[in-house]
N, C-alpha and C. Protein backbone atom coordinates (compact mmCIF):
# COMPACT_ATOMS: atom_id res chain seq x y z
N UNK A 1 18.87 -18.91 -0.42
CA UNK A 1 18.01 -17.83 0.00
C UNK A 1 18.19 -16.66 -0.97
N UNK A 2 17.10 -16.05 -1.37
CA UNK A 2 17.13 -14.94 -2.30
C UNK A 2 17.45 -13.67 -1.53
N UNK A 3 18.42 -12.92 -2.03
CA UNK A 3 18.78 -11.67 -1.35
C UNK A 3 18.05 -10.51 -2.03
N UNK A 4 17.76 -9.51 -1.23
CA UNK A 4 17.06 -8.33 -1.74
C UNK A 4 18.11 -7.28 -2.03
N UNK A 5 18.45 -7.12 -3.31
CA UNK A 5 19.46 -6.14 -3.69
C UNK A 5 18.80 -4.77 -3.83
N UNK A 6 19.38 -3.78 -3.17
CA UNK A 6 18.82 -2.43 -3.18
C UNK A 6 19.64 -1.58 -4.15
N UNK A 7 19.17 -1.49 -5.39
CA UNK A 7 19.84 -0.64 -6.36
C UNK A 7 19.20 0.75 -6.35
N UNK A 8 19.71 1.64 -7.17
CA UNK A 8 19.22 3.03 -7.17
C UNK A 8 17.76 3.14 -7.60
N UNK A 9 17.35 2.32 -8.54
CA UNK A 9 15.96 2.35 -9.01
C UNK A 9 15.00 2.00 -7.87
N UNK A 10 15.35 0.99 -7.08
CA UNK A 10 14.49 0.59 -5.97
C UNK A 10 14.50 1.64 -4.86
N UNK A 11 15.64 2.29 -4.64
CA UNK A 11 15.69 3.36 -3.64
C UNK A 11 14.78 4.52 -4.04
N UNK A 12 14.84 4.90 -5.31
CA UNK A 12 13.97 5.97 -5.80
C UNK A 12 12.52 5.54 -5.71
N UNK A 13 12.23 4.29 -6.04
CA UNK A 13 10.87 3.78 -5.96
C UNK A 13 10.32 3.81 -4.54
N UNK A 14 11.15 3.40 -3.57
CA UNK A 14 10.70 3.45 -2.18
C UNK A 14 10.48 4.88 -1.73
N UNK A 15 11.32 5.80 -2.18
CA UNK A 15 11.14 7.21 -1.84
C UNK A 15 9.85 7.76 -2.43
N UNK A 16 9.58 7.44 -3.69
CA UNK A 16 8.35 7.90 -4.32
C UNK A 16 7.11 7.30 -3.65
N UNK A 17 7.20 6.03 -3.26
CA UNK A 17 6.08 5.40 -2.56
C UNK A 17 5.83 6.09 -1.23
N UNK A 18 6.91 6.38 -0.50
CA UNK A 18 6.78 7.08 0.78
C UNK A 18 6.19 8.47 0.61
N UNK A 19 6.66 9.21 -0.39
CA UNK A 19 6.10 10.54 -0.65
C UNK A 19 4.64 10.44 -1.09
N UNK A 20 4.30 9.39 -1.83
CA UNK A 20 2.91 9.21 -2.23
C UNK A 20 2.00 9.00 -1.03
N UNK A 21 2.44 8.19 -0.09
CA UNK A 21 1.66 7.99 1.13
C UNK A 21 1.58 9.29 1.92
N UNK A 22 2.69 10.02 2.00
CA UNK A 22 2.72 11.29 2.73
C UNK A 22 1.77 12.32 2.11
N UNK A 23 1.81 12.47 0.78
CA UNK A 23 0.92 13.44 0.12
C UNK A 23 -0.54 13.03 0.25
N UNK A 24 -0.82 11.73 0.19
CA UNK A 24 -2.20 11.28 0.39
C UNK A 24 -2.67 11.59 1.80
N UNK A 25 -1.79 11.38 2.78
CA UNK A 25 -2.12 11.71 4.17
C UNK A 25 -2.37 13.21 4.32
N UNK A 26 -1.51 14.03 3.71
CA UNK A 26 -1.74 15.48 3.76
C UNK A 26 -3.05 15.87 3.08
N UNK A 27 -3.36 15.23 1.97
CA UNK A 27 -4.60 15.52 1.27
C UNK A 27 -5.82 15.20 2.11
N UNK A 28 -5.74 14.14 2.90
CA UNK A 28 -6.86 13.80 3.79
C UNK A 28 -6.92 14.79 4.95
N UNK A 29 -5.77 15.14 5.51
CA UNK A 29 -5.73 16.08 6.64
C UNK A 29 -6.28 17.45 6.22
N UNK A 30 -5.94 17.89 5.02
CA UNK A 30 -6.41 19.19 4.53
C UNK A 30 -7.77 19.07 3.86
N UNK A 31 -8.68 18.35 4.50
CA UNK A 31 -10.07 18.24 4.07
C UNK A 31 -10.23 17.77 2.63
N UNK A 32 -9.57 16.68 2.32
CA UNK A 32 -9.68 16.03 1.02
C UNK A 32 -9.34 16.97 -0.13
N UNK A 33 -8.15 17.55 -0.04
CA UNK A 33 -7.65 18.41 -1.11
C UNK A 33 -7.33 17.54 -2.32
N UNK A 34 -8.03 17.79 -3.42
CA UNK A 34 -7.89 16.89 -4.58
C UNK A 34 -6.52 16.97 -5.22
N UNK A 35 -5.84 18.10 -5.16
CA UNK A 35 -4.51 18.21 -5.74
C UNK A 35 -3.50 17.34 -5.01
N UNK A 36 -3.51 17.41 -3.68
CA UNK A 36 -2.59 16.59 -2.89
C UNK A 36 -2.91 15.10 -3.02
N UNK A 37 -4.20 14.78 -3.05
CA UNK A 37 -4.58 13.37 -3.20
C UNK A 37 -4.17 12.81 -4.56
N UNK A 38 -4.37 13.59 -5.61
CA UNK A 38 -3.97 13.13 -6.95
C UNK A 38 -2.45 12.97 -7.04
N UNK A 39 -1.72 13.93 -6.47
CA UNK A 39 -0.26 13.82 -6.49
C UNK A 39 0.20 12.60 -5.68
N UNK A 40 -0.44 12.37 -4.54
CA UNK A 40 -0.11 11.20 -3.73
C UNK A 40 -0.35 9.90 -4.47
N UNK A 41 -1.45 9.83 -5.20
CA UNK A 41 -1.75 8.62 -5.98
C UNK A 41 -0.73 8.39 -7.08
N UNK A 42 -0.38 9.45 -7.79
CA UNK A 42 0.59 9.33 -8.89
C UNK A 42 1.95 8.90 -8.34
N UNK A 43 2.38 9.52 -7.24
CA UNK A 43 3.66 9.15 -6.65
C UNK A 43 3.64 7.72 -6.13
N UNK A 44 2.54 7.30 -5.51
CA UNK A 44 2.45 5.94 -4.98
C UNK A 44 2.54 4.91 -6.10
N UNK A 45 1.76 5.08 -7.14
CA UNK A 45 1.76 4.11 -8.25
C UNK A 45 3.12 4.08 -8.95
N UNK A 46 3.72 5.25 -9.19
CA UNK A 46 5.03 5.26 -9.84
C UNK A 46 6.09 4.67 -8.93
N UNK A 47 5.98 4.89 -7.62
CA UNK A 47 6.94 4.31 -6.68
C UNK A 47 6.86 2.80 -6.63
N UNK A 48 5.65 2.27 -6.61
CA UNK A 48 5.48 0.81 -6.62
C UNK A 48 6.03 0.23 -7.92
N UNK A 49 5.77 0.92 -9.03
CA UNK A 49 6.26 0.44 -10.33
C UNK A 49 7.79 0.42 -10.38
N UNK A 50 8.43 1.44 -9.83
CA UNK A 50 9.89 1.46 -9.83
C UNK A 50 10.48 0.45 -8.85
N UNK A 51 9.79 0.22 -7.73
CA UNK A 51 10.33 -0.68 -6.72
C UNK A 51 10.30 -2.13 -7.18
N UNK A 52 9.17 -2.58 -7.70
CA UNK A 52 9.07 -4.00 -8.07
C UNK A 52 9.20 -4.23 -9.57
N UNK A 53 9.26 -3.18 -10.36
CA UNK A 53 9.41 -3.32 -11.80
C UNK A 53 8.06 -3.20 -12.50
N UNK A 54 8.11 -2.71 -13.72
CA UNK A 54 6.87 -2.48 -14.49
C UNK A 54 6.14 -3.78 -14.81
N UNK A 55 6.89 -4.80 -15.18
CA UNK A 55 6.27 -6.08 -15.53
C UNK A 55 5.58 -6.71 -14.31
N UNK A 56 6.25 -6.69 -13.17
CA UNK A 56 5.65 -7.24 -11.95
C UNK A 56 4.45 -6.43 -11.50
N UNK A 57 4.52 -5.12 -11.68
CA UNK A 57 3.38 -4.27 -11.32
C UNK A 57 2.18 -4.61 -12.18
N UNK A 58 2.38 -4.73 -13.48
CA UNK A 58 1.27 -5.08 -14.37
C UNK A 58 0.72 -6.47 -14.04
N UNK A 59 1.59 -7.42 -13.74
CA UNK A 59 1.13 -8.75 -13.38
C UNK A 59 0.33 -8.72 -12.09
N UNK A 60 0.77 -7.91 -11.11
CA UNK A 60 0.07 -7.82 -9.83
C UNK A 60 -1.33 -7.23 -10.00
N UNK A 61 -1.43 -6.12 -10.74
CA UNK A 61 -2.72 -5.46 -10.90
C UNK A 61 -3.65 -6.19 -11.85
N UNK A 62 -3.12 -7.04 -12.73
CA UNK A 62 -3.95 -7.72 -13.72
C UNK A 62 -4.26 -9.17 -13.37
N UNK A 63 -3.92 -9.61 -12.16
CA UNK A 63 -4.31 -10.96 -11.75
C UNK A 63 -5.83 -11.02 -11.66
N UNK A 64 -6.43 -12.13 -12.07
CA UNK A 64 -7.89 -12.22 -12.00
C UNK A 64 -8.46 -12.01 -10.60
N UNK A 65 -7.76 -12.46 -9.56
CA UNK A 65 -8.29 -12.27 -8.21
C UNK A 65 -8.12 -10.83 -7.73
N UNK A 66 -7.35 -10.01 -8.45
CA UNK A 66 -7.15 -8.61 -8.07
C UNK A 66 -7.97 -7.64 -8.92
N UNK A 67 -8.80 -8.15 -9.82
CA UNK A 67 -9.58 -7.26 -10.69
C UNK A 67 -10.46 -6.31 -9.91
N UNK A 68 -11.14 -6.84 -8.89
CA UNK A 68 -12.06 -6.01 -8.12
C UNK A 68 -11.31 -4.85 -7.44
N UNK A 69 -10.15 -5.13 -6.86
CA UNK A 69 -9.36 -4.09 -6.22
C UNK A 69 -8.78 -3.10 -7.22
N UNK A 70 -8.32 -3.61 -8.37
CA UNK A 70 -7.74 -2.74 -9.39
C UNK A 70 -8.79 -1.79 -9.96
N UNK A 71 -9.97 -2.31 -10.24
CA UNK A 71 -11.01 -1.47 -10.81
C UNK A 71 -11.48 -0.43 -9.80
N UNK A 72 -11.64 -0.81 -8.54
CA UNK A 72 -12.09 0.18 -7.56
C UNK A 72 -11.01 1.21 -7.27
N UNK A 73 -9.73 0.79 -7.24
CA UNK A 73 -8.65 1.75 -7.03
C UNK A 73 -8.57 2.72 -8.20
N UNK A 74 -8.67 2.21 -9.42
CA UNK A 74 -8.63 3.07 -10.61
C UNK A 74 -9.83 4.01 -10.69
N UNK A 75 -11.01 3.50 -10.36
CA UNK A 75 -12.20 4.36 -10.38
C UNK A 75 -12.10 5.43 -9.30
N UNK A 76 -11.55 5.07 -8.15
CA UNK A 76 -11.36 6.06 -7.09
C UNK A 76 -10.36 7.13 -7.49
N UNK A 77 -9.29 6.73 -8.16
CA UNK A 77 -8.31 7.70 -8.65
C UNK A 77 -8.96 8.65 -9.65
N UNK A 78 -9.77 8.11 -10.55
CA UNK A 78 -10.46 8.93 -11.53
C UNK A 78 -11.41 9.93 -10.85
N UNK A 79 -12.13 9.48 -9.83
CA UNK A 79 -13.04 10.37 -9.11
C UNK A 79 -12.29 11.48 -8.38
N UNK A 80 -11.12 11.17 -7.85
CA UNK A 80 -10.31 12.20 -7.19
C UNK A 80 -9.87 13.25 -8.21
N UNK A 81 -9.45 12.80 -9.37
CA UNK A 81 -8.95 13.72 -10.40
C UNK A 81 -10.07 14.63 -10.93
N UNK A 82 -11.28 14.09 -11.10
CA UNK A 82 -12.35 14.93 -11.65
C UNK A 82 -13.02 15.82 -10.60
N UNK A 83 -12.65 15.66 -9.33
CA UNK A 83 -13.13 16.61 -8.33
C UNK A 83 -14.06 16.05 -7.27
N UNK A 84 -14.18 14.74 -7.12
CA UNK A 84 -14.99 14.13 -6.07
C UNK A 84 -14.06 13.36 -5.13
N UNK A 85 -13.29 14.08 -4.31
CA UNK A 85 -12.25 13.41 -3.53
C UNK A 85 -12.76 12.49 -2.43
N UNK A 86 -13.88 12.80 -1.80
CA UNK A 86 -14.35 11.95 -0.70
C UNK A 86 -14.79 10.59 -1.23
N UNK A 87 -15.64 10.58 -2.24
CA UNK A 87 -16.08 9.32 -2.83
C UNK A 87 -14.90 8.57 -3.46
N UNK A 88 -13.99 9.32 -4.09
CA UNK A 88 -12.81 8.70 -4.69
C UNK A 88 -11.93 8.02 -3.66
N UNK A 89 -11.73 8.67 -2.51
CA UNK A 89 -10.89 8.07 -1.48
C UNK A 89 -11.56 6.85 -0.84
N UNK A 90 -12.88 6.86 -0.76
CA UNK A 90 -13.57 5.68 -0.24
C UNK A 90 -13.36 4.50 -1.18
N UNK A 91 -13.51 4.74 -2.48
CA UNK A 91 -13.28 3.67 -3.46
C UNK A 91 -11.82 3.23 -3.48
N UNK A 92 -10.91 4.19 -3.42
CA UNK A 92 -9.48 3.84 -3.40
C UNK A 92 -9.12 3.03 -2.16
N UNK A 93 -9.66 3.40 -1.03
CA UNK A 93 -9.37 2.67 0.21
C UNK A 93 -9.85 1.23 0.11
N UNK A 94 -11.05 1.06 -0.42
CA UNK A 94 -11.56 -0.31 -0.61
C UNK A 94 -10.65 -1.09 -1.56
N UNK A 95 -10.27 -0.48 -2.67
CA UNK A 95 -9.39 -1.15 -3.62
C UNK A 95 -8.03 -1.46 -3.02
N UNK A 96 -7.50 -0.55 -2.21
CA UNK A 96 -6.20 -0.77 -1.57
C UNK A 96 -6.27 -1.95 -0.61
N UNK A 97 -7.36 -2.02 0.16
CA UNK A 97 -7.51 -3.13 1.11
C UNK A 97 -7.64 -4.45 0.36
N UNK A 98 -8.42 -4.47 -0.72
CA UNK A 98 -8.60 -5.71 -1.48
C UNK A 98 -7.28 -6.12 -2.14
N UNK A 99 -6.55 -5.15 -2.70
CA UNK A 99 -5.31 -5.48 -3.40
C UNK A 99 -4.21 -5.96 -2.45
N UNK A 100 -4.05 -5.29 -1.33
CA UNK A 100 -2.90 -5.55 -0.47
C UNK A 100 -3.24 -6.34 0.79
N UNK A 101 -4.42 -6.93 0.86
CA UNK A 101 -4.78 -7.70 2.05
C UNK A 101 -3.92 -8.97 2.19
N UNK A 102 -3.40 -9.48 1.11
CA UNK A 102 -2.55 -10.66 1.17
C UNK A 102 -1.20 -10.41 1.81
N UNK A 103 -0.80 -9.14 1.93
CA UNK A 103 0.49 -8.81 2.52
C UNK A 103 0.40 -8.57 4.02
N UNK A 104 -0.80 -8.62 4.61
CA UNK A 104 -0.97 -8.36 6.04
C UNK A 104 -0.17 -9.32 6.91
N UNK A 105 -0.15 -10.64 6.65
CA UNK A 105 0.64 -11.53 7.50
C UNK A 105 2.13 -11.19 7.49
N UNK A 106 2.67 -10.86 6.34
CA UNK A 106 4.08 -10.48 6.26
C UNK A 106 4.33 -9.18 7.00
N UNK A 107 3.43 -8.23 6.87
CA UNK A 107 3.56 -6.96 7.57
C UNK A 107 3.47 -7.14 9.08
N UNK A 108 2.60 -8.04 9.53
CA UNK A 108 2.47 -8.25 10.97
C UNK A 108 3.74 -8.85 11.56
N UNK A 109 4.38 -9.76 10.85
CA UNK A 109 5.64 -10.33 11.33
C UNK A 109 6.72 -9.25 11.35
N UNK A 110 6.75 -8.39 10.35
CA UNK A 110 7.73 -7.30 10.30
C UNK A 110 7.52 -6.33 11.46
N UNK A 111 6.27 -5.96 11.73
CA UNK A 111 5.99 -5.00 12.80
C UNK A 111 6.41 -5.57 14.15
N UNK A 112 6.25 -6.85 14.36
CA UNK A 112 6.64 -7.46 15.62
C UNK A 112 8.14 -7.45 15.83
N UNK A 113 8.92 -7.30 14.77
CA UNK A 113 10.37 -7.30 14.89
C UNK A 113 10.97 -5.90 14.97
N UNK A 114 10.17 -4.85 14.79
CA UNK A 114 10.65 -3.47 14.92
C UNK A 114 10.84 -3.19 16.41
N UNK A 115 11.97 -2.58 16.84
CA UNK A 115 12.29 -2.48 18.27
C UNK A 115 11.18 -1.95 19.18
N UNK A 116 10.68 -0.76 19.02
CA UNK A 116 9.69 -0.23 19.96
C UNK A 116 8.29 -0.74 19.64
N UNK A 117 7.93 -0.71 18.36
CA UNK A 117 6.61 -1.22 17.97
C UNK A 117 6.47 -2.70 18.29
N UNK A 118 7.55 -3.44 18.15
CA UNK A 118 7.51 -4.86 18.42
C UNK A 118 7.10 -5.15 19.85
N UNK A 119 7.63 -4.37 20.79
CA UNK A 119 7.28 -4.56 22.21
C UNK A 119 5.79 -4.31 22.43
N UNK A 120 5.26 -3.25 21.80
CA UNK A 120 3.84 -2.93 21.96
C UNK A 120 2.98 -4.04 21.37
N UNK A 121 3.35 -4.51 20.18
CA UNK A 121 2.53 -5.52 19.51
C UNK A 121 2.77 -6.93 20.03
N UNK A 122 3.69 -7.09 20.98
CA UNK A 122 3.89 -8.40 21.61
C UNK A 122 3.02 -8.56 22.85
N UNK A 123 2.27 -7.53 23.20
CA UNK A 123 1.37 -7.62 24.34
C UNK A 123 0.26 -8.62 24.03
N UNK A 124 -0.36 -9.21 25.08
CA UNK A 124 -1.30 -10.32 24.85
C UNK A 124 -2.45 -10.02 23.88
N UNK A 125 -3.02 -8.81 23.98
CA UNK A 125 -4.16 -8.52 23.09
C UNK A 125 -3.72 -8.53 21.63
N UNK A 126 -2.62 -7.85 21.32
CA UNK A 126 -2.15 -7.79 19.94
C UNK A 126 -1.59 -9.13 19.49
N UNK A 127 -0.92 -9.83 20.40
CA UNK A 127 -0.32 -11.12 20.04
C UNK A 127 -1.40 -12.11 19.59
N UNK A 128 -2.52 -12.16 20.30
CA UNK A 128 -3.58 -13.08 19.90
C UNK A 128 -4.14 -12.71 18.53
N UNK A 129 -4.18 -11.41 18.25
CA UNK A 129 -4.64 -10.96 16.94
C UNK A 129 -3.67 -11.38 15.85
N UNK A 130 -2.35 -11.25 16.10
CA UNK A 130 -1.35 -11.60 15.09
C UNK A 130 -1.19 -13.10 14.93
N UNK A 131 -1.50 -13.89 15.95
CA UNK A 131 -1.33 -15.34 15.88
C UNK A 131 -2.23 -15.96 14.82
N UNK A 132 -3.36 -15.33 14.54
CA UNK A 132 -4.26 -15.87 13.52
C UNK A 132 -3.61 -15.91 12.15
N UNK A 133 -2.70 -14.97 11.88
CA UNK A 133 -2.10 -14.85 10.55
C UNK A 133 -0.68 -15.40 10.49
N UNK A 134 -0.18 -15.97 11.54
CA UNK A 134 1.22 -16.37 11.62
C UNK A 134 1.63 -17.34 10.51
N UNK A 135 0.83 -18.34 10.24
CA UNK A 135 1.23 -19.36 9.28
C UNK A 135 0.90 -19.03 7.83
N UNK A 136 0.30 -17.88 7.57
CA UNK A 136 -0.17 -17.55 6.23
C UNK A 136 0.68 -16.47 5.57
N UNK A 137 1.98 -16.48 5.80
CA UNK A 137 2.85 -15.43 5.24
C UNK A 137 2.93 -15.53 3.74
N UNK A 138 3.01 -14.37 3.12
CA UNK A 138 3.14 -14.28 1.68
C UNK A 138 4.62 -14.06 1.37
N UNK A 139 5.22 -14.88 0.51
CA UNK A 139 6.62 -14.63 0.18
C UNK A 139 6.77 -13.35 -0.60
N UNK A 140 7.71 -12.53 -0.19
CA UNK A 140 7.92 -11.23 -0.84
C UNK A 140 9.22 -11.26 -1.59
């Protein structure tokens, strides 16, 4: 079994990714503030790069099946930077969903094992929703 070693680079990467999500959330809350959204995007991308490594990041974004998500995420980032945050966030959201939709089964299994959230998501309505993805886990 492969162990997940948490070195300092990965800790910093996870922190940057978390701050990137936080700044993006603040940017949306503050009526699509382009400065906060741009900072959130930069922190998120740099955090992912530090967490999984630069080579793995480039391989992930340059896979042929991820081109559509990569291009829309990049175009959305560009639109946020030049001053069109609403349209940019719509494009980025689409790209994010396309890029990271393969990780949903793994995320659903993780959420079910979190103590309080797990109890909520083990209820019949949520359980039937999660059962569709049970066998399609992506190795991380």
